[in-house]
């Protein structure tokens, strides 16, 4: 179910980025694809960093 939220957040982020960079984006479809890819990469990095941080704080 996490992939669904990544997809929704990526679409919104891509659309918003396209609005903020009027005339300098990749077009509507390109902005949405970039937003979706960014959301998935960010989610992966977040999950990776959260698991590595919890491993560091575990008592030995």
PDB file of N, CA and C in Angstrom:
ATOM      1  N   UNK A   1       0.814  -1.190   0.000  1.00  0.00           N
ATOM      2  CA  UNK A   1       0.000   0.000   0.000  1.00  0.00           C
ATOM      3  C   UNK A   1       0.863   1.263   0.000  1.00  0.00           C
ATOM      4  N   UNK A   2       2.120   1.136   0.438  1.00  0.00           N
ATOM      5  CA  UNK A   2       2.999   2.294   0.442  1.00  0.00           C
ATOM      6  C   UNK A   2       3.240   2.824  -0.967  1.00  0.00           C
ATOM      7  N   UNK A   3       3.315   1.932  -1.931  1.00  0.00           N
ATOM      8  CA  UNK A   3       3.562   2.365  -3.308  1.00  0.00           C
ATOM      9  C   UNK A   3       2.443   3.270  -3.798  1.00  0.00           C
ATOM     10  N   UNK A   4       1.218   3.053  -3.323  1.00  0.00           N
ATOM     11  CA  UNK A   4       0.099   3.896  -3.713  1.00  0.00           C
ATOM     12  C   UNK A   4       0.314   5.327  -3.233  1.00  0.00           C
ATOM     13  N   UNK A   5       0.771   5.491  -1.992  1.00  0.00           N
ATOM     14  CA  UNK A   5       1.021   6.829  -1.462  1.00  0.00           C
ATOM     15  C   UNK A   5       2.213   7.476  -2.138  1.00  0.00           C
ATOM     16  N   UNK A   6       3.237   6.689  -2.465  1.00  0.00           N
ATOM     17  CA  UNK A   6       4.359   7.226  -3.226  1.00  0.00           C
ATOM     18  C   UNK A   6       3.864   7.758  -4.567  1.00  0.00           C
ATOM     19  N   UNK A   7       2.987   7.025  -5.213  1.00  0.00           N
ATOM     20  CA  UNK A   7       2.441   7.415  -6.503  1.00  0.00           C
ATOM     21  C   UNK A   7       1.648   8.716  -6.391  1.00  0.00           C
ATOM     22  N   UNK A   8       0.774   8.811  -5.413  1.00  0.00           N
ATOM     23  CA  UNK A   8      -0.048  10.008  -5.233  1.00  0.00           C
ATOM     24  C   UNK A   8       0.820  11.220  -4.896  1.00  0.00           C
ATOM     25  N   UNK A   9       1.737  11.061  -3.960  1.00  0.00           N
ATOM     26  CA  UNK A   9       2.608  12.174  -3.576  1.00  0.00           C
ATOM     27  C   UNK A   9       3.504  12.587  -4.743  1.00  0.00           C
ATOM     28  N   UNK A  10       3.993  11.619  -5.505  1.00  0.00           N
ATOM     29  CA  UNK A  10       4.823  11.933  -6.669  1.00  0.00           C
ATOM     30  C   UNK A  10       4.072  12.701  -7.734  1.00  0.00           C
ATOM     31  N   UNK A  11       2.824  12.326  -7.977  1.00  0.00           N
ATOM     32  CA  UNK A  11       2.015  13.042  -8.960  1.00  0.00           C
ATOM     33  C   UNK A  11       1.790  14.484  -8.518  1.00  0.00           C
ATOM     34  N   UNK A  12       1.446  14.658  -7.258  1.00  0.00           N
ATOM     35  CA  UNK A  12       1.219  16.008  -6.745  1.00  0.00           C
ATOM     36  C   UNK A  12       2.508  16.825  -6.783  1.00  0.00           C
ATOM     37  N   UNK A  13       3.628  16.220  -6.373  1.00  0.00           N
ATOM     38  CA  UNK A  13       4.906  16.931  -6.374  1.00  0.00           C
ATOM     39  C   UNK A  13       5.333  17.304  -7.790  1.00  0.00           C
ATOM     40  N   UNK A  14       5.142  16.404  -8.731  1.00  0.00           N
ATOM     41  CA  UNK A  14       5.493  16.696 -10.122  1.00  0.00           C
ATOM     42  C   UNK A  14       4.630  17.798 -10.711  1.00  0.00           C
ATOM     43  N   UNK A  15       3.344  17.754 -10.422  1.00  0.00           N
ATOM     44  CA  UNK A  15       2.441  18.791 -10.910  1.00  0.00           C
ATOM     45  C   UNK A  15       2.802  20.144 -10.314  1.00  0.00           C
ATOM     46  N   UNK A  16       3.063  20.152  -9.001  1.00  0.00           N
ATOM     47  CA  UNK A  16       3.415  21.398  -8.324  1.00  0.00           C
ATOM     48  C   UNK A  16       4.742  21.948  -8.840  1.00  0.00           C
ATOM     49  N   UNK A  17       5.704  21.082  -9.068  1.00  0.00           N
ATOM     50  CA  UNK A  17       6.989  21.523  -9.611  1.00  0.00           C
ATOM     51  C   UNK A  17       6.814  22.111 -11.004  1.00  0.00           C
ATOM     52  N   UNK A  18       5.940  21.521 -11.801  1.00  0.00           N
ATOM     53  CA  UNK A  18       5.666  22.061 -13.128  1.00  0.00           C
ATOM     54  C   UNK A  18       5.033  23.443 -13.061  1.00  0.00           C
ATOM     55  N   UNK A  19       4.192  23.676 -12.071  1.00  0.00           N
ATOM     56  CA  UNK A  19       3.575  24.991 -11.906  1.00  0.00           C
ATOM     57  C   UNK A  19       4.586  26.032 -11.425  1.00  0.00           C
ATOM     58  N   UNK A  20       5.492  25.616 -10.538  1.00  0.00           N
ATOM     59  CA  UNK A  20       6.481  26.547  -9.998  1.00  0.00           C
ATOM     60  C   UNK A  20       7.542  26.927 -11.028  1.00  0.00           C
ATOM     61  N   UNK A  21       7.865  26.013 -11.929  1.00  0.00           N
ATOM     62  CA  UNK A  21       8.895  26.261 -12.935  1.00  0.00           C
ATOM     63  C   UNK A  21       8.251  26.465 -14.296  1.00  0.00           C
ATOM     64  N   UNK A  22       7.298  27.333 -14.363  1.00  0.00           N
ATOM     65  CA  UNK A  22       6.550  27.577 -15.589  1.00  0.00           C
ATOM     66  C   UNK A  22       7.501  27.917 -16.730  1.00  0.00           C
ATOM     67  N   UNK A  23       7.425  27.133 -17.810  1.00  0.00           N
ATOM     68  CA  UNK A  23       8.268  27.368 -18.974  1.00  0.00           C
ATOM     69  C   UNK A  23       9.612  26.669 -18.919  1.00  0.00           C
ATOM     70  N   UNK A  24       9.957  26.067 -17.782  1.00  0.00           N
ATOM     71  CA  UNK A  24      11.267  25.419 -17.656  1.00  0.00           C
ATOM     72  C   UNK A  24      11.159  23.951 -17.283  1.00  0.00           C
ATOM     73  N   UNK A  25       9.971  23.379 -17.267  1.00  0.00           N
ATOM     74  CA  UNK A  25       9.793  21.989 -16.863  1.00  0.00           C
ATOM     75  C   UNK A  25       9.905  21.046 -18.052  1.00  0.00           C
ATOM     76  N   UNK A  26       9.438  19.830 -17.871  1.00  0.00           N
ATOM     77  CA  UNK A  26       9.490  18.808 -18.907  1.00  0.00           C
ATOM     78  C   UNK A  26       8.125  18.586 -19.545  1.00  0.00           C
ATOM     79  N   UNK A  27       7.177  19.461 -19.314  1.00  0.00           N
ATOM     80  CA  UNK A  27       5.814  19.246 -19.763  1.00  0.00           C
ATOM     81  C   UNK A  27       5.057  18.485 -18.689  1.00  0.00           C
ATOM     82  N   UNK A  28       3.755  18.401 -18.841  1.00  0.00           N
ATOM     83  CA  UNK A  28       2.928  17.779 -17.801  1.00  0.00           C
ATOM     84  C   UNK A  28       3.320  16.332 -17.553  1.00  0.00           C
ATOM     85  N   UNK A  29       3.413  15.523 -18.616  1.00  0.00           N
ATOM     86  CA  UNK A  29       3.740  14.103 -18.440  1.00  0.00           C
ATOM     87  C   UNK A  29       5.140  13.925 -17.864  1.00  0.00           C
ATOM     88  N   UNK A  30       6.095  14.698 -18.350  1.00  0.00           N
ATOM     89  CA  UNK A  30       7.462  14.598 -17.847  1.00  0.00           C
ATOM     90  C   UNK A  30       7.568  14.993 -16.392  1.00  0.00           C
ATOM     91  N   UNK A  31       6.870  16.060 -16.009  1.00  0.00           N
ATOM     92  CA  UNK A  31       6.888  16.496 -14.606  1.00  0.00           C
ATOM     93  C   UNK A  31       6.277  15.439 -13.695  1.00  0.00           C
ATOM     94  N   UNK A  32       5.196  14.802 -14.148  1.00  0.00           N
ATOM     95  CA  UNK A  32       4.564  13.761 -13.336  1.00  0.00           C
ATOM     96  C   UNK A  32       5.473  12.553 -13.182  1.00  0.00           C
ATOM     97  N   UNK A  33       6.148  12.166 -14.263  1.00  0.00           N
ATOM     98  CA  UNK A  33       7.065  11.013 -14.198  1.00  0.00           C
ATOM     99  C   UNK A  33       8.238  11.324 -13.275  1.00  0.00           C
ATOM    100  N   UNK A  34       8.794  12.515 -13.393  1.00  0.00           N
ATOM    101  CA  UNK A  34       9.912  12.904 -12.517  1.00  0.00           C
ATOM    102  C   UNK A  34       9.459  12.930 -11.062  1.00  0.00           C
ATOM    103  N   UNK A  35       8.256  13.439 -10.810  1.00  0.00           N
ATOM    104  CA  UNK A  35       7.728  13.461  -9.443  1.00  0.00           C
ATOM    105  C   UNK A  35       7.528  12.073  -8.878  1.00  0.00           C
ATOM    106  N   UNK A  36       7.007  11.159  -9.688  1.00  0.00           N
ATOM    107  CA  UNK A  36       6.787   9.777  -9.235  1.00  0.00           C
ATOM    108  C   UNK A  36       8.120   9.093  -8.949  1.00  0.00           C
ATOM    109  N   UNK A  37       9.074   9.250  -9.859  1.00  0.00           N
ATOM    110  CA  UNK A  37      10.394   8.638  -9.629  1.00  0.00           C
ATOM    111  C   UNK A  37      11.050   9.214  -8.382  1.00  0.00           C
ATOM    112  N   UNK A  38      10.940  10.514  -8.190  1.00  0.00           N
ATOM    113  CA  UNK A  38      11.504  11.144  -7.000  1.00  0.00           C
ATOM    114  C   UNK A  38      10.861  10.641  -5.724  1.00  0.00           C
ATOM    115  N   UNK A  39       9.551  10.422  -5.767  1.00  0.00           N
ATOM    116  CA  UNK A  39       8.852   9.923  -4.577  1.00  0.00           C
ATOM    117  C   UNK A  39       9.313   8.509  -4.233  1.00  0.00           C
ATOM    118  N   UNK A  40       9.469   7.653  -5.245  1.00  0.00           N
ATOM    119  CA  UNK A  40       9.920   6.283  -4.973  1.00  0.00           C
ATOM    120  C   UNK A  40      11.360   6.256  -4.481  1.00  0.00           C
ATOM    121  N   UNK A  41      12.218   7.070  -5.088  1.00  0.00           N
ATOM    122  CA  UNK A  41      13.611   7.112  -4.637  1.00  0.00           C
ATOM    123  C   UNK A  41      13.698   7.680  -3.224  1.00  0.00           C
ATOM    124  N   UNK A  42      12.925   8.730  -2.947  1.00  0.00           N
ATOM    125  CA  UNK A  42      12.903   9.302  -1.605  1.00  0.00           C
ATOM    126  C   UNK A  42      12.371   8.323  -0.574  1.00  0.00           C
ATOM    127  N   UNK A  43      11.343   7.565  -0.939  1.00  0.00           N
ATOM    128  CA  UNK A  43      10.799   6.557  -0.022  1.00  0.00           C
ATOM    129  C   UNK A  43      11.800   5.455   0.267  1.00  0.00           C
ATOM    130  N   UNK A  44      12.527   5.031  -0.764  1.00  0.00           N
ATOM    131  CA  UNK A  44      13.551   4.006  -0.579  1.00  0.00           C
ATOM    132  C   UNK A  44      14.671   4.515   0.329  1.00  0.00           C
ATOM    133  N   UNK A  45      15.126   5.735   0.068  1.00  0.00           N
ATOM    134  CA  UNK A  45      16.193   6.310   0.894  1.00  0.00           C
ATOM    135  C   UNK A  45      15.728   6.506   2.330  1.00  0.00           C
ATOM    136  N   UNK A  46      14.490   6.906   2.496  1.00  0.00           N
ATOM    137  CA  UNK A  46      13.946   7.108   3.834  1.00  0.00           C
ATOM    138  C   UNK A  46      13.873   5.789   4.591  1.00  0.00           C
ATOM    139  N   UNK A  47      13.407   4.742   3.924  1.00  0.00           N
ATOM    140  CA  UNK A  47      13.321   3.437   4.568  1.00  0.00           C
ATOM    141  C   UNK A  47      14.713   2.911   4.905  1.00  0.00           C
ATOM    142  N   UNK A  48      15.663   3.133   4.003  1.00  0.00           N
ATOM    143  CA  UNK A  48      17.030   2.675   4.231  1.00  0.00           C
ATOM    144  C   UNK A  48      17.658   3.422   5.400  1.00  0.00           C
ATOM    145  N   UNK A  49      17.489   4.736   5.443  1.00  0.00           N
ATOM    146  CA  UNK A  49      18.111   5.508   6.519  1.00  0.00           C
ATOM    147  C   UNK A  49      17.433   5.229   7.857  1.00  0.00           C
ATOM    148  N   UNK A  50      16.120   4.992   7.857  1.00  0.00           N
ATOM    149  CA  UNK A  50      15.421   4.687   9.103  1.00  0.00           C
ATOM    150  C   UNK A  50      15.890   3.346   9.669  1.00  0.00           C
ATOM    151  N   UNK A  51      16.091   2.361   8.782  1.00  0.00           N
ATOM    152  CA  UNK A  51      16.542   1.062   9.273  1.00  0.00           C
ATOM    153  C   UNK A  51      17.992   1.122   9.737  1.00  0.00           C
ATOM    154  N   UNK A  52      18.824   1.912   9.067  1.00  0.00           N
ATOM    155  CA  UNK A  52      20.223   2.015   9.505  1.00  0.00           C
ATOM    156  C   UNK A  52      20.332   2.803  10.799  1.00  0.00           C
ATOM    157  N   UNK A  53      19.483   3.799  10.982  1.00  0.00           N
ATOM    158  CA  UNK A  53      19.500   4.545  12.236  1.00  0.00           C
ATOM    159  C   UNK A  53      19.028   3.708  13.396  1.00  0.00           C
ATOM    160  N   UNK A  54      18.027   2.875  13.176  1.00  0.00           N
ATOM    161  CA  UNK A  54      17.550   2.019  14.276  1.00  0.00           C
ATOM    162  C   UNK A  54      18.591   0.961  14.618  1.00  0.00           C
ATOM    163  N   UNK A  55      19.367   0.525  13.624  1.00  0.00           N
ATOM    164  CA  UNK A  55      20.417  -0.446  13.905  1.00  0.00           C
ATOM    165  C   UNK A  55      21.530   0.182  14.741  1.00  0.00           C
ATOM    166  N   UNK A  56      21.781   1.465  14.507  1.00  0.00           N
ATOM    167  CA  UNK A  56      22.830   2.141  15.271  1.00  0.00           C
ATOM    168  C   UNK A  56      22.433   2.375  16.712  1.00  0.00           C
ATOM    169  N   UNK A  57      21.143   2.566  16.956  1.00  0.00           N
ATOM    170  CA  UNK A  57      20.700   2.865  18.319  1.00  0.00           C
ATOM    171  C   UNK A  57      20.346   1.615  19.122  1.00  0.00           C
ATOM    172  N   UNK A  58      20.429   0.445  18.507  1.00  0.00           N
ATOM    173  CA  UNK A  58      20.107  -0.797  19.213  1.00  0.00           C
ATOM    174  C   UNK A  58      21.209  -1.089  20.242  1.00  0.00           C
ATOM    175  N   UNK A  59      20.820  -1.524  21.422  1.00  0.00           N
ATOM    176  CA  UNK A  59      21.822  -1.858  22.435  1.00  0.00           C
ATOM    177  C   UNK A  59      22.637  -3.079  21.996  1.00  0.00           C
ATOM    178  N   UNK A  60      23.930  -3.079  22.312  1.00  0.00           N
ATOM    179  CA  UNK A  60      24.766  -4.205  21.910  1.00  0.00           C
ATOM    180  C   UNK A  60      25.160  -5.062  23.080  1.00  0.00           C
TER     181      UNK A  60
END
